[in-house]
Amino acid sequence: KPSYKLDQMGIKLNDVVVDYGCGPGRYLTQACKLVGSNGKVYAVDIQDSALRCATKLRWRKKLDNLQPLKASGYFAPIQEDKADVIYLLNVLLKVDKPNELLNEVHRIVKPNGQLILNGRGKSSGMTKTLVDKNKRWSLVKQEEDLLFLKPLFKQTST
């Protein structure tokens, strides 16, 4: 059962959402419902087993707006400035090069988009330290153990 409620993450109808490090896909069904048929959910993972789970979910629940994608290193095959919301749940503190991962999600988030990270207790402080070191993100708010970040240094088209 998902431990986070995606509807508290500001995901809206027609959004493009990236579940980066989707694992077994426990948030994918919820995300697909929130964005609706004209939205898109990218399930990104480096593990083939995770992508198999996402693909099975897509067919079993007829989630036509779900697209599993294999990450190569930290690179996700998604064009830049594409995502309204990216969430990394239980991912950032597990990777070898968190800075590279934060750079990659910065590449694919829209200038007015947001990144959501989680961390309880000590891991919250560690997560904030990694984000501060990266210098590409600004903390908007913290709700319980979720950090809501907006990207810095991205040009918004007028």
N, C-alpha and C. Protein backbone atom coordinates (compact mmCIF):
# COMPACT_ATOMS: atom_id res chain seq x y z
N LYS A 1 0.86 -1.20 0.00
CA LYS A 1 0.00 0.00 0.00
C LYS A 1 0.90 1.24 0.00
N PRO A 2 0.60 2.21 -0.86
CA PRO A 2 1.46 3.41 -0.92
C PRO A 2 1.49 4.14 0.41
N SER A 3 2.68 4.57 0.81
CA SER A 3 2.79 5.27 2.09
C SER A 3 2.63 6.77 1.92
N TYR A 4 2.58 7.25 0.68
CA TYR A 4 2.36 8.68 0.44
C TYR A 4 1.12 8.87 -0.40
N LYS A 5 0.44 9.99 -0.17
CA LYS A 5 -0.74 10.32 -0.95
C LYS A 5 -0.33 11.30 -2.04
N LEU A 6 -0.37 10.83 -3.27
CA LEU A 6 0.08 11.67 -4.39
C LEU A 6 -0.81 12.89 -4.58
N ASP A 7 -2.07 12.80 -4.15
CA ASP A 7 -2.94 13.97 -4.33
C ASP A 7 -2.52 15.13 -3.41
N GLN A 8 -1.65 14.87 -2.46
CA GLN A 8 -1.10 15.95 -1.63
C GLN A 8 0.16 16.55 -2.26
N MET A 9 0.55 16.02 -3.41
CA MET A 9 1.79 16.46 -4.06
C MET A 9 1.55 17.48 -5.16
N GLY A 10 0.30 17.92 -5.31
CA GLY A 10 0.03 18.94 -6.31
C GLY A 10 -0.01 18.42 -7.73
N ILE A 11 -0.21 17.12 -7.91
CA ILE A 11 -0.35 16.56 -9.25
C ILE A 11 -1.74 16.88 -9.77
N LYS A 12 -1.78 17.45 -10.98
CA LYS A 12 -3.05 17.89 -11.54
C LYS A 12 -3.39 17.15 -12.83
N LEU A 13 -4.65 17.27 -13.24
CA LEU A 13 -5.11 16.72 -14.50
C LEU A 13 -4.21 17.23 -15.62
N ASN A 14 -3.87 16.37 -16.56
CA ASN A 14 -3.05 16.69 -17.75
C ASN A 14 -1.56 16.92 -17.45
N ASP A 15 -1.14 16.73 -16.21
CA ASP A 15 0.28 16.90 -15.89
C ASP A 15 1.13 15.80 -16.52
N VAL A 16 2.42 16.11 -16.66
CA VAL A 16 3.43 15.10 -16.99
C VAL A 16 4.19 14.84 -15.69
N VAL A 17 4.14 13.58 -15.25
CA VAL A 17 4.72 13.19 -13.97
C VAL A 17 5.81 12.15 -14.20
N VAL A 18 6.90 12.26 -13.45
CA VAL A 18 7.97 11.26 -13.52
C VAL A 18 8.13 10.62 -12.14
N ASP A 19 7.93 9.31 -12.11
CA ASP A 19 8.21 8.52 -10.91
C ASP A 19 9.62 7.98 -11.14
N TYR A 20 10.61 8.68 -10.62
CA TYR A 20 12.02 8.32 -10.88
C TYR A 20 12.47 7.35 -9.79
N GLY A 21 12.84 6.15 -10.21
CA GLY A 21 13.14 5.08 -9.26
C GLY A 21 11.84 4.45 -8.82
N CYS A 22 11.03 4.06 -9.81
CA CYS A 22 9.65 3.62 -9.55
C CYS A 22 9.58 2.30 -8.79
N GLY A 23 10.66 1.52 -8.81
CA GLY A 23 10.65 0.24 -8.09
C GLY A 23 9.49 -0.62 -8.53
N PRO A 24 8.79 -1.27 -7.57
CA PRO A 24 7.67 -2.15 -7.95
C PRO A 24 6.43 -1.40 -8.42
N GLY A 25 6.47 -0.06 -8.41
CA GLY A 25 5.39 0.71 -9.01
C GLY A 25 4.21 1.01 -8.11
N ARG A 26 4.44 1.08 -6.80
CA ARG A 26 3.30 1.24 -5.88
C ARG A 26 2.58 2.57 -6.03
N TYR A 27 3.21 3.57 -6.67
CA TYR A 27 2.55 4.88 -6.83
C TYR A 27 1.98 5.12 -8.23
N LEU A 28 2.23 4.20 -9.13
CA LEU A 28 1.93 4.46 -10.54
C LEU A 28 0.43 4.54 -10.84
N THR A 29 -0.37 3.65 -10.28
CA THR A 29 -1.81 3.66 -10.55
C THR A 29 -2.42 4.97 -10.09
N GLN A 30 -2.04 5.38 -8.88
CA GLN A 30 -2.53 6.63 -8.30
C GLN A 30 -2.14 7.83 -9.18
N ALA A 31 -0.89 7.85 -9.63
CA ALA A 31 -0.40 8.95 -10.48
C ALA A 31 -1.17 8.99 -11.80
N CYS A 32 -1.38 7.84 -12.42
CA CYS A 32 -2.10 7.77 -13.69
C CYS A 32 -3.53 8.29 -13.57
N LYS A 33 -4.18 7.98 -12.45
CA LYS A 33 -5.55 8.47 -12.22
C LYS A 33 -5.55 9.99 -12.09
N LEU A 34 -4.59 10.53 -11.35
CA LEU A 34 -4.56 11.97 -11.09
C LEU A 34 -4.31 12.79 -12.37
N VAL A 35 -3.46 12.31 -13.27
CA VAL A 35 -3.15 13.10 -14.48
C VAL A 35 -4.21 12.92 -15.56
N GLY A 36 -4.99 11.85 -15.47
CA GLY A 36 -6.06 11.62 -16.45
C GLY A 36 -5.53 11.15 -17.79
N SER A 37 -6.45 10.93 -18.72
CA SER A 37 -6.07 10.31 -20.00
C SER A 37 -5.21 11.20 -20.88
N ASN A 38 -5.25 12.51 -20.66
CA ASN A 38 -4.40 13.41 -21.45
C ASN A 38 -3.07 13.73 -20.77
N GLY A 39 -2.90 13.23 -19.56
CA GLY A 39 -1.63 13.40 -18.87
C GLY A 39 -0.70 12.24 -19.19
N LYS A 40 0.48 12.25 -18.58
CA LYS A 40 1.46 11.21 -18.86
C LYS A 40 2.23 10.91 -17.58
N VAL A 41 2.47 9.64 -17.33
CA VAL A 41 3.30 9.23 -16.21
C VAL A 41 4.45 8.39 -16.75
N TYR A 42 5.66 8.86 -16.51
CA TYR A 42 6.86 8.11 -16.88
C TYR A 42 7.36 7.35 -15.67
N ALA A 43 7.46 6.03 -15.79
CA ALA A 43 8.00 5.19 -14.72
C ALA A 43 9.45 4.90 -15.08
N VAL A 44 10.37 5.54 -14.37
CA VAL A 44 11.79 5.44 -14.70
C VAL A 44 12.52 4.60 -13.66
N ASP A 45 13.30 3.64 -14.13
CA ASP A 45 14.13 2.86 -13.22
C ASP A 45 15.30 2.28 -13.99
N ILE A 46 16.35 1.95 -13.26
CA ILE A 46 17.53 1.34 -13.88
C ILE A 46 17.39 -0.19 -13.90
N GLN A 47 16.49 -0.69 -13.04
CA GLN A 47 16.32 -2.14 -12.90
C GLN A 47 15.26 -2.67 -13.87
N ASP A 48 15.63 -3.72 -14.60
CA ASP A 48 14.67 -4.34 -15.53
C ASP A 48 13.45 -4.89 -14.79
N SER A 49 13.67 -5.42 -13.58
CA SER A 49 12.56 -6.00 -12.82
C SER A 49 11.50 -4.94 -12.51
N ALA A 50 11.95 -3.72 -12.20
CA ALA A 50 11.01 -2.62 -11.92
C ALA A 50 10.21 -2.27 -13.18
N LEU A 51 10.89 -2.25 -14.31
CA LEU A 51 10.22 -1.90 -15.57
C LEU A 51 9.23 -3.00 -15.99
N ARG A 52 9.57 -4.24 -15.67
CA ARG A 52 8.63 -5.34 -15.94
C ARG A 52 7.37 -5.16 -15.09
N CYS A 53 7.53 -4.78 -13.82
CA CYS A 53 6.37 -4.52 -12.95
C CYS A 53 5.51 -3.41 -13.53
N ALA A 54 6.14 -2.33 -13.97
CA ALA A 54 5.40 -1.19 -14.52
C ALA A 54 4.67 -1.58 -15.80
N THR A 55 5.31 -2.39 -16.62
CA THR A 55 4.69 -2.84 -17.88
C THR A 55 3.49 -3.74 -17.61
N LYS A 56 3.63 -4.66 -16.65
CA LYS A 56 2.51 -5.53 -16.26
C LYS A 56 1.34 -4.70 -15.75
N LEU A 57 1.66 -3.71 -14.91
CA LEU A 57 0.64 -2.83 -14.34
C LEU A 57 -0.10 -2.09 -15.46
N ARG A 58 0.65 -1.63 -16.42
CA ARG A 58 0.07 -0.88 -17.55
C ARG A 58 -0.98 -1.73 -18.28
N TRP A 59 -0.63 -2.98 -18.54
CA TRP A 59 -1.56 -3.85 -19.28
C TRP A 59 -2.70 -4.31 -18.39
N ARG A 60 -2.37 -4.71 -17.15
CA ARG A 60 -3.39 -5.25 -16.25
C ARG A 60 -4.45 -4.21 -15.91
N LYS A 61 -4.04 -2.99 -15.67
CA LYS A 61 -4.99 -1.94 -15.27
C LYS A 61 -5.34 -0.99 -16.42
N LYS A 62 -4.87 -1.34 -17.63
CA LYS A 62 -5.17 -0.53 -18.83
C LYS A 62 -4.80 0.95 -18.62
N LEU A 63 -3.57 1.17 -18.17
CA LEU A 63 -3.07 2.52 -17.92
C LEU A 63 -2.36 3.03 -19.19
N ASP A 64 -3.16 3.53 -20.12
CA ASP A 64 -2.60 3.96 -21.40
C ASP A 64 -1.69 5.17 -21.27
N ASN A 65 -1.79 5.90 -20.16
CA ASN A 65 -0.97 7.10 -19.98
C ASN A 65 0.32 6.80 -19.22
N LEU A 66 0.62 5.51 -19.03
CA LEU A 66 1.84 5.10 -18.32
C LEU A 66 2.90 4.65 -19.32
N GLN A 67 4.11 5.19 -19.17
CA GLN A 67 5.21 4.77 -20.04
C GLN A 67 6.44 4.41 -19.22
N PRO A 68 6.75 3.10 -19.14
CA PRO A 68 7.97 2.68 -18.46
C PRO A 68 9.20 3.05 -19.30
N LEU A 69 10.24 3.57 -18.64
CA LEU A 69 11.47 3.97 -19.33
C LEU A 69 12.68 3.51 -18.54
N LYS A 70 13.66 2.97 -19.25
CA LYS A 70 14.88 2.51 -18.59
C LYS A 70 15.90 3.65 -18.49
N ALA A 71 16.37 3.88 -17.28
CA ALA A 71 17.42 4.87 -17.08
C ALA A 71 18.76 4.25 -17.45
N SER A 72 19.63 5.09 -17.99
CA SER A 72 20.97 4.64 -18.34
C SER A 72 21.92 5.47 -17.48
N GLY A 73 22.51 4.83 -16.47
CA GLY A 73 23.20 5.61 -15.45
C GLY A 73 22.11 6.41 -14.75
N TYR A 74 22.26 7.73 -14.73
CA TYR A 74 21.19 8.56 -14.16
C TYR A 74 20.36 9.21 -15.25
N PHE A 75 20.73 9.00 -16.50
CA PHE A 75 20.03 9.63 -17.61
C PHE A 75 18.70 8.93 -17.88
N ALA A 76 17.63 9.73 -17.95
CA ALA A 76 16.31 9.21 -18.32
C ALA A 76 15.99 9.70 -19.72
N PRO A 77 15.51 8.83 -20.61
CA PRO A 77 15.21 9.24 -21.99
C PRO A 77 13.93 10.07 -22.09
N ILE A 78 13.99 11.25 -21.49
CA ILE A 78 12.87 12.19 -21.48
C ILE A 78 13.44 13.54 -21.90
N GLN A 79 12.71 14.27 -22.76
CA GLN A 79 13.24 15.55 -23.22
C GLN A 79 13.28 16.57 -22.09
N GLU A 80 14.14 17.58 -22.24
CA GLU A 80 14.26 18.55 -21.15
C GLU A 80 13.02 19.42 -21.04
N ASP A 81 12.84 19.98 -19.85
CA ASP A 81 11.70 20.86 -19.54
C ASP A 81 10.35 20.18 -19.84
N LYS A 82 10.24 18.92 -19.52
CA LYS A 82 9.05 18.13 -19.88
C LYS A 82 8.11 17.89 -18.70
N ALA A 83 8.65 17.75 -17.49
CA ALA A 83 7.86 17.25 -16.36
C ALA A 83 7.31 18.37 -15.48
N ASP A 84 6.04 18.24 -15.13
CA ASP A 84 5.41 19.15 -14.16
C ASP A 84 5.80 18.76 -12.74
N VAL A 85 5.78 17.46 -12.48
CA VAL A 85 6.11 16.94 -11.15
C VAL A 85 7.02 15.72 -11.31
N ILE A 86 8.11 15.73 -10.54
CA ILE A 86 8.99 14.56 -10.46
C ILE A 86 9.04 14.17 -8.99
N TYR A 87 8.82 12.91 -8.70
CA TYR A 87 9.04 12.50 -7.32
C TYR A 87 10.07 11.38 -7.25
N LEU A 88 10.92 11.52 -6.23
CA LEU A 88 11.98 10.55 -5.92
C LEU A 88 11.71 10.10 -4.49
N LEU A 89 11.08 8.96 -4.34
CA LEU A 89 10.72 8.48 -3.00
C LEU A 89 11.64 7.32 -2.62
N ASN A 90 12.36 7.50 -1.54
CA ASN A 90 13.33 6.48 -1.06
C ASN A 90 14.39 6.16 -2.11
N VAL A 91 14.84 7.19 -2.83
CA VAL A 91 15.82 6.97 -3.90
C VAL A 91 17.12 7.73 -3.66
N LEU A 92 17.03 9.01 -3.34
CA LEU A 92 18.21 9.88 -3.35
C LEU A 92 19.34 9.39 -2.46
N LEU A 93 19.03 8.90 -1.27
CA LEU A 93 20.08 8.47 -0.34
C LEU A 93 20.62 7.08 -0.66
N LYS A 94 20.02 6.42 -1.67
CA LYS A 94 20.47 5.07 -2.03
C LYS A 94 21.41 5.06 -3.23
N VAL A 95 21.53 6.18 -3.94
CA VAL A 95 22.34 6.17 -5.16
C VAL A 95 23.78 6.60 -4.85
N ASP A 96 24.71 6.17 -5.70
CA ASP A 96 26.13 6.48 -5.50
C ASP A 96 26.45 7.94 -5.77
N LYS A 97 25.77 8.51 -6.77
CA LYS A 97 26.08 9.89 -7.16
C LYS A 97 24.81 10.75 -7.15
N PRO A 98 24.36 11.12 -5.95
CA PRO A 98 23.12 11.90 -5.84
C PRO A 98 23.17 13.22 -6.61
N ASN A 99 24.36 13.80 -6.71
CA ASN A 99 24.48 15.07 -7.43
C ASN A 99 24.12 14.91 -8.91
N GLU A 100 24.59 13.81 -9.50
CA GLU A 100 24.27 13.53 -10.91
C GLU A 100 22.78 13.31 -11.10
N LEU A 101 22.17 12.62 -10.15
CA LEU A 101 20.72 12.38 -10.22
C LEU A 101 19.95 13.70 -10.11
N LEU A 102 20.35 14.57 -9.18
CA LEU A 102 19.69 15.87 -9.03
C LEU A 102 19.87 16.73 -10.28
N ASN A 103 21.04 16.63 -10.93
CA ASN A 103 21.26 17.35 -12.19
C ASN A 103 20.33 16.84 -13.29
N GLU A 104 20.15 15.53 -13.34
CA GLU A 104 19.30 14.93 -14.39
C GLU A 104 17.84 15.31 -14.20
N VAL A 105 17.32 15.24 -12.97
CA VAL A 105 15.92 15.60 -12.79
C VAL A 105 15.73 17.11 -13.01
N HIS A 106 16.77 17.89 -12.76
CA HIS A 106 16.73 19.33 -13.05
C HIS A 106 16.58 19.54 -14.56
N ARG A 107 17.25 18.71 -15.35
CA ARG A 107 17.19 18.82 -16.81
C ARG A 107 15.76 18.57 -17.31
N ILE A 108 15.06 17.60 -16.73
CA ILE A 108 13.77 17.22 -17.29
C ILE A 108 12.57 17.95 -16.67
N VAL A 109 12.77 18.64 -15.54
CA VAL A 109 11.64 19.35 -14.93
C VAL A 109 11.37 20.66 -15.67
N LYS A 110 10.10 21.04 -15.75
CA LYS A 110 9.75 22.33 -16.35
C LYS A 110 10.23 23.46 -15.43
N PRO A 111 10.47 24.66 -15.98
CA PRO A 111 10.90 25.78 -15.12
C PRO A 111 9.95 26.06 -13.96
N ASN A 112 8.65 25.82 -14.17
CA ASN A 112 7.68 26.04 -13.09
C ASN A 112 7.24 24.72 -12.44
N GLY A 113 7.99 23.66 -12.70
CA GLY A 113 7.65 22.35 -12.15
C GLY A 113 8.20 22.17 -10.76
N GLN A 114 7.98 20.97 -10.20
CA GLN A 114 8.51 20.72 -8.87
C GLN A 114 9.07 19.31 -8.73
N LEU A 115 10.02 19.22 -7.80
CA LEU A 115 10.63 17.95 -7.42
C LEU A 115 10.22 17.67 -5.99
N ILE A 116 9.82 16.43 -5.72
CA ILE A 116 9.41 16.04 -4.37
C ILE A 116 10.31 14.90 -3.90
N LEU A 117 10.93 15.13 -2.75
CA LEU A 117 11.82 14.14 -2.13
C LEU A 117 11.25 13.79 -0.76
N ASN A 118 11.65 12.64 -0.24
CA ASN A 118 11.21 12.30 1.11
C ASN A 118 12.39 12.01 2.00
N GLY A 119 12.19 12.17 3.29
CA GLY A 119 13.22 11.85 4.27
C GLY A 119 12.67 12.08 5.66
N ARG A 120 12.82 11.08 6.51
CA ARG A 120 12.38 11.21 7.91
C ARG A 120 13.60 11.41 8.79
N GLY A 121 13.42 12.18 9.84
CA GLY A 121 14.45 12.32 10.86
C GLY A 121 15.81 12.68 10.30
N LYS A 122 16.81 11.83 10.58
CA LYS A 122 18.18 12.10 10.15
C LYS A 122 18.30 12.15 8.63
N SER A 123 17.54 11.30 7.95
CA SER A 123 17.63 11.27 6.49
C SER A 123 17.10 12.56 5.86
N SER A 124 16.19 13.25 6.57
CA SER A 124 15.71 14.54 6.09
C SER A 124 16.86 15.55 6.03
N GLY A 125 17.65 15.59 7.08
CA GLY A 125 18.82 16.47 7.12
C GLY A 125 19.84 16.12 6.04
N MET A 126 20.07 14.81 5.84
CA MET A 126 21.01 14.36 4.82
C MET A 126 20.51 14.75 3.43
N THR A 127 19.21 14.59 3.21
CA THR A 127 18.61 14.94 1.92
C THR A 127 18.77 16.43 1.66
N LYS A 128 18.46 17.26 2.67
CA LYS A 128 18.60 18.71 2.52
C LYS A 128 20.04 19.12 2.21
N THR A 129 20.99 18.45 2.85
CA THR A 129 22.41 18.73 2.61
C THR A 129 22.78 18.45 1.15
N LEU A 130 22.31 17.31 0.63
CA LEU A 130 22.59 16.95 -0.77
C LEU A 130 21.99 17.99 -1.72
N VAL A 131 20.78 18.42 -1.42
CA VAL A 131 20.09 19.41 -2.25
C VAL A 131 20.84 20.74 -2.21
N ASP A 132 21.25 21.15 -1.01
CA ASP A 132 22.00 22.41 -0.87
C ASP A 132 23.30 22.37 -1.65
N LYS A 133 24.01 21.24 -1.58
CA LYS A 133 25.28 21.09 -2.31
C LYS A 133 25.08 21.18 -3.81
N ASN A 134 23.94 20.69 -4.28
CA ASN A 134 23.66 20.67 -5.72
C ASN A 134 23.44 22.07 -6.29
N LYS A 135 22.90 22.97 -5.49
CA LYS A 135 22.73 24.39 -5.85
C LYS A 135 21.79 24.66 -7.03
N ARG A 136 20.97 23.70 -7.40
CA ARG A 136 20.05 23.90 -8.53
C ARG A 136 18.60 23.90 -8.09
N TRP A 137 18.36 23.84 -6.78
CA TRP A 137 17.01 23.67 -6.25
C TRP A 137 16.78 24.61 -5.08
N SER A 138 15.54 25.02 -4.93
CA SER A 138 15.15 25.84 -3.80
C SER A 138 14.02 25.14 -3.06
N LEU A 139 14.13 25.04 -1.74
CA LEU A 139 13.10 24.40 -0.94
C LEU A 139 11.90 25.34 -0.84
N VAL A 140 10.75 24.87 -1.30
CA VAL A 140 9.52 25.67 -1.25
C VAL A 140 8.82 25.44 0.09
N LYS A 141 8.67 24.16 0.44
CA LYS A 141 8.01 23.84 1.71
C LYS A 141 8.36 22.42 2.11
N GLN A 142 8.12 22.14 3.38
CA GLN A 142 8.26 20.79 3.89
C GLN A 142 6.96 20.43 4.57
N GLU A 143 6.40 19.30 4.18
CA GLU A 143 5.17 18.80 4.81
C GLU A 143 5.46 17.40 5.33
N GLU A 144 5.43 17.27 6.66
CA GLU A 144 5.82 16.02 7.30
C GLU A 144 7.18 15.62 6.75
N ASP A 145 7.32 14.47 6.13
CA ASP A 145 8.65 14.10 5.64
C ASP A 145 8.82 14.30 4.13
N LEU A 146 7.99 15.13 3.53
CA LEU A 146 8.15 15.43 2.11
C LEU A 146 8.76 16.82 1.92
N LEU A 147 9.74 16.90 1.05
CA LEU A 147 10.36 18.18 0.68
C LEU A 147 9.88 18.55 -0.71
N PHE A 148 9.37 19.76 -0.87
CA PHE A 148 8.90 20.26 -2.16
C PHE A 148 9.92 21.28 -2.66
N LEU A 149 10.50 21.02 -3.83
CA LEU A 149 11.56 21.87 -4.36
C LEU A 149 11.19 22.43 -5.71
N LYS A 150 11.68 23.65 -5.97
CA LYS A 150 11.52 24.18 -7.33
C LYS A 150 12.91 24.38 -7.94
N PRO A 151 12.98 24.24 -9.26
CA PRO A 151 14.29 24.36 -9.91
C PRO A 151 14.74 25.82 -10.00
N LEU A 152 16.04 26.02 -9.87
CA LEU A 152 16.64 27.35 -10.06
C LEU A 152 17.31 27.37 -11.44
N PHE A 153 17.57 28.58 -11.93
CA PHE A 153 18.34 28.78 -13.18
C PHE A 153 17.69 28.15 -14.41
N LYS A 154 16.38 28.16 -14.47
CA LYS A 154 15.72 27.67 -15.69
C LYS A 154 14.95 28.86 -16.26
N GLN A 155 15.12 29.08 -17.55
CA GLN A 155 14.41 30.18 -18.20
C GLN A 155 12.96 29.80 -18.45
N THR A 156 12.06 30.63 -17.99
CA THR A 156 10.65 30.41 -18.33
C THR A 156 10.37 31.15 -19.63
N SER A 157 9.74 30.47 -20.55
CA SER A 157 9.41 31.14 -21.82
C SER A 157 8.20 32.04 -21.57
N THR A 158 8.22 33.21 -22.16
CA THR A 158 7.11 34.16 -21.93
C THR A 158 6.14 34.14 -23.08
